[in-house]
Amino acid sequence: MTAARTPISADLVLGRIVYTLRQAARWMLKGLLAIAIVFMAGVIAVITAAAGLFIAAVAVLLKLTTGKSAPRRPQYAGGETNESGITLEAHRTARGWTVEPR
């Protein structure tokens, strides 16, 4: 028994070549899209890091330039006399402000 041979036509060969080229183009586009996504993720990471460094630099500059000249709250508040004649004095403690009679 011999196998039946089918003739190879130019249209069949051309159709196979076009199909193969389309598949190759499809895979190349998927690869380019993947590379573009990874590249954009890297760019976004670098921009985020730069913004963080910029914010940190501004915070350090603000701390250095306003450290000593900034007005502070007084540690002792002036005495105040109530209607019964007792003077109360407030001072700052570790737990907050404390008011004591003088």
C-alpha atoms as a PDB file:
ATOM      1  CA  MET A   1       0.000   0.000   0.000  1.00  0.00           C
ATOM      2  CA  THR A   2       1.207   3.387  -0.845  1.00  0.00           C
ATOM      3  CA  ALA A   3       0.131   6.574   0.773  1.00  0.00           C
ATOM      4  CA  ALA A   4      -1.828   8.943  -1.328  1.00  0.00           C
ATOM      5  CA  ARG A   5       0.115  12.063  -2.049  1.00  0.00           C
ATOM      6  CA  THR A   6      -1.539  15.435  -2.128  1.00  0.00           C
ATOM      7  CA  PRO A   7      -0.018  18.069  -4.294  1.00  0.00           C
ATOM      8  CA  ILE A   8       1.552  21.061  -2.545  1.00  0.00           C
ATOM      9  CA  SER A   9       0.102  24.256  -3.843  1.00  0.00           C
ATOM     10  CA  ALA A  10       1.630  27.721  -3.642  1.00  0.00           C
ATOM     11  CA  ASP A  11      -1.453  28.991  -1.787  1.00  0.00           C
ATOM     12  CA  LEU A  12      -1.021  26.370   0.937  1.00  0.00           C
ATOM     13  CA  VAL A  13       2.645  27.241   1.435  1.00  0.00           C
ATOM     14  CA  LEU A  14       1.926  30.970   1.384  1.00  0.00           C
ATOM     15  CA  GLY A  15      -0.910  30.496   3.877  1.00  0.00           C
ATOM     16  CA  ARG A  16       1.423  28.621   6.263  1.00  0.00           C
ATOM     17  CA  ILE A  17       4.063  31.345   6.008  1.00  0.00           C
ATOM     18  CA  VAL A  18       1.530  34.102   6.690  1.00  0.00           C
ATOM     19  CA  TYR A  19       0.114  32.177   9.668  1.00  0.00           C
ATOM     20  CA  THR A  20       3.610  31.681  11.102  1.00  0.00           C
ATOM     21  CA  LEU A  21       4.461  35.351  10.655  1.00  0.00           C
ATOM     22  CA  ARG A  22       1.227  36.385  12.385  1.00  0.00           C
ATOM     23  CA  GLN A  23       1.964  34.097  15.331  1.00  0.00           C
ATOM     24  CA  ALA A  24       5.514  35.454  15.586  1.00  0.00           C
ATOM     25  CA  ALA A  25       4.229  39.039  15.480  1.00  0.00           C
ATOM     26  CA  ARG A  26       1.660  38.224  18.153  1.00  0.00           C
ATOM     27  CA  TRP A  27       4.357  36.803  20.473  1.00  0.00           C
ATOM     28  CA  MET A  28       6.645  39.759  19.823  1.00  0.00           C
ATOM     29  CA  LEU A  29       3.867  42.214  20.700  1.00  0.00           C
ATOM     30  CA  LYS A  30       3.155  40.331  23.929  1.00  0.00           C
ATOM     31  CA  GLY A  31       6.852  40.456  24.782  1.00  0.00           C
ATOM     32  CA  LEU A  32       7.082  44.167  24.050  1.00  0.00           C
ATOM     33  CA  LEU A  33       4.025  44.816  26.200  1.00  0.00           C
ATOM     34  CA  ALA A  34       5.557  42.857  29.073  1.00  0.00           C
ATOM     35  CA  ILE A  35       8.828  44.797  28.751  1.00  0.00           C
ATOM     36  CA  ALA A  36       6.911  48.095  28.675  1.00  0.00           C
ATOM     37  CA  ILE A  37       4.984  47.177  31.835  1.00  0.00           C
ATOM     38  CA  VAL A  38       8.178  46.242  33.701  1.00  0.00           C
ATOM     39  CA  PHE A  39       9.879  49.431  32.510  1.00  0.00           C
ATOM     40  CA  MET A  40       6.970  51.610  33.646  1.00  0.00           C
ATOM     41  CA  ALA A  41       6.928  49.892  37.044  1.00  0.00           C
ATOM     42  CA  GLY A  42      10.615  50.712  37.406  1.00  0.00           C
ATOM     43  CA  VAL A  43      10.062  54.333  36.405  1.00  0.00           C
ATOM     44  CA  ILE A  44       7.226  54.676  38.907  1.00  0.00           C
ATOM     45  CA  ALA A  45       9.414  53.154  41.646  1.00  0.00           C
ATOM     46  CA  VAL A  46      12.245  55.596  40.917  1.00  0.00           C
ATOM     47  CA  ILE A  47       9.866  58.589  40.867  1.00  0.00           C
ATOM     48  CA  THR A  48       8.331  57.479  44.178  1.00  0.00           C
ATOM     49  CA  ALA A  49      11.766  57.141  45.768  1.00  0.00           C
ATOM     50  CA  ALA A  50      12.780  60.581  44.487  1.00  0.00           C
ATOM     51  CA  ALA A  51       9.594  62.119  45.888  1.00  0.00           C
ATOM     52  CA  GLY A  52      10.268  60.479  49.259  1.00  0.00           C
ATOM     53  CA  LEU A  53      13.814  61.826  49.327  1.00  0.00           C
ATOM     54  CA  PHE A  54      12.543  65.278  48.411  1.00  0.00           C
ATOM     55  CA  ILE A  55       9.968  65.219  51.226  1.00  0.00           C
ATOM     56  CA  ALA A  56      12.619  64.036  53.687  1.00  0.00           C
ATOM     57  CA  ALA A  57      14.998  66.807  52.591  1.00  0.00           C
ATOM     58  CA  VAL A  58      12.284  69.441  53.050  1.00  0.00           C
ATOM     59  CA  ALA A  59      11.492  68.050  56.510  1.00  0.00           C
ATOM     60  CA  VAL A  60      15.164  68.202  57.522  1.00  0.00           C
ATOM     61  CA  LEU A  61      15.475  71.760  56.231  1.00  0.00           C
ATOM     62  CA  LEU A  62      12.364  72.816  58.127  1.00  0.00           C
ATOM     63  CA  LYS A  63      13.685  71.207  61.282  1.00  0.00           C
ATOM     64  CA  LEU A  64      17.075  72.876  60.935  1.00  0.00           C
ATOM     65  CA  THR A  65      15.764  76.330  60.075  1.00  0.00           C
ATOM     66  CA  THR A  66      12.945  76.562  62.618  1.00  0.00           C
ATOM     67  CA  GLY A  67      14.474  74.641  65.535  1.00  0.00           C
ATOM     68  CA  LYS A  68      15.693  77.478  67.776  1.00  0.00           C
ATOM     69  CA  SER A  69      13.683  80.449  66.601  1.00  0.00           C
ATOM     70  CA  ALA A  70      10.276  78.805  66.918  1.00  0.00           C
ATOM     71  CA  PRO A  71       8.206  80.083  69.839  1.00  0.00           C
ATOM     72  CA  ARG A  72       7.854  77.540  72.603  1.00  0.00           C
ATOM     73  CA  ARG A  73       5.134  77.118  75.148  1.00  0.00           C
ATOM     74  CA  PRO A  74       6.156  78.381  78.545  1.00  0.00           C
ATOM     75  CA  GLN A  75       7.008  75.752  81.121  1.00  0.00           C
ATOM     76  CA  TYR A  76       5.310  77.773  83.845  1.00  0.00           C
ATOM     77  CA  ALA A  77       2.083  79.661  83.469  1.00  0.00           C
ATOM     78  CA  GLY A  78       1.529  82.816  85.450  1.00  0.00           C
ATOM     79  CA  GLY A  79      -0.402  82.589  88.688  1.00  0.00           C
ATOM     80  CA  GLU A  80      -4.105  83.251  88.692  1.00  0.00           C
ATOM     81  CA  THR A  81      -6.204  84.285  91.689  1.00  0.00           C
ATOM     82  CA  ASN A  82      -9.744  82.992  91.993  1.00  0.00           C
ATOM     83  CA  GLU A  83     -12.633  84.692  93.849  1.00  0.00           C
ATOM     84  CA  SER A  84     -11.693  83.175  97.211  1.00  0.00           C
ATOM     85  CA  GLY A  85      -8.224  84.769  97.104  1.00  0.00           C
ATOM     86  CA  ILE A  86      -6.225  81.564  96.480  1.00  0.00           C
ATOM     87  CA  THR A  87      -3.536  81.815  93.818  1.00  0.00           C
ATOM     88  CA  LEU A  88      -3.286  78.838  91.512  1.00  0.00           C
ATOM     89  CA  GLU A  89      -0.113  78.096  89.603  1.00  0.00           C
ATOM     90  CA  ALA A  90       0.193  75.689  86.676  1.00  0.00           C
ATOM     91  CA  HIS A  91       3.378  73.942  85.588  1.00  0.00           C
ATOM     92  CA  ARG A  92       4.219  71.316  83.029  1.00  0.00           C
ATOM     93  CA  THR A  93       4.911  67.747  84.141  1.00  0.00           C
ATOM     94  CA  ALA A  94       5.605  64.519  82.279  1.00  0.00           C
ATOM     95  CA  ARG A  95       1.872  63.719  82.301  1.00  0.00           C
ATOM     96  CA  GLY A  96       0.722  67.172  81.210  1.00  0.00           C
ATOM     97  CA  TRP A  97      -0.128  70.340  83.084  1.00  0.00           C
ATOM     98  CA  THR A  98      -0.630  70.346  86.850  1.00  0.00           C
ATOM     99  CA  VAL A  99      -2.402  73.107  88.773  1.00  0.00           C
ATOM    100  CA  GLU A 100      -1.445  73.607  92.406  1.00  0.00           C
ATOM    101  CA  PRO A 101      -2.399  76.241  94.962  1.00  0.00           C
ATOM    102  CA  ARG A 102       0.376  78.639  95.841  1.00  0.00           C
END
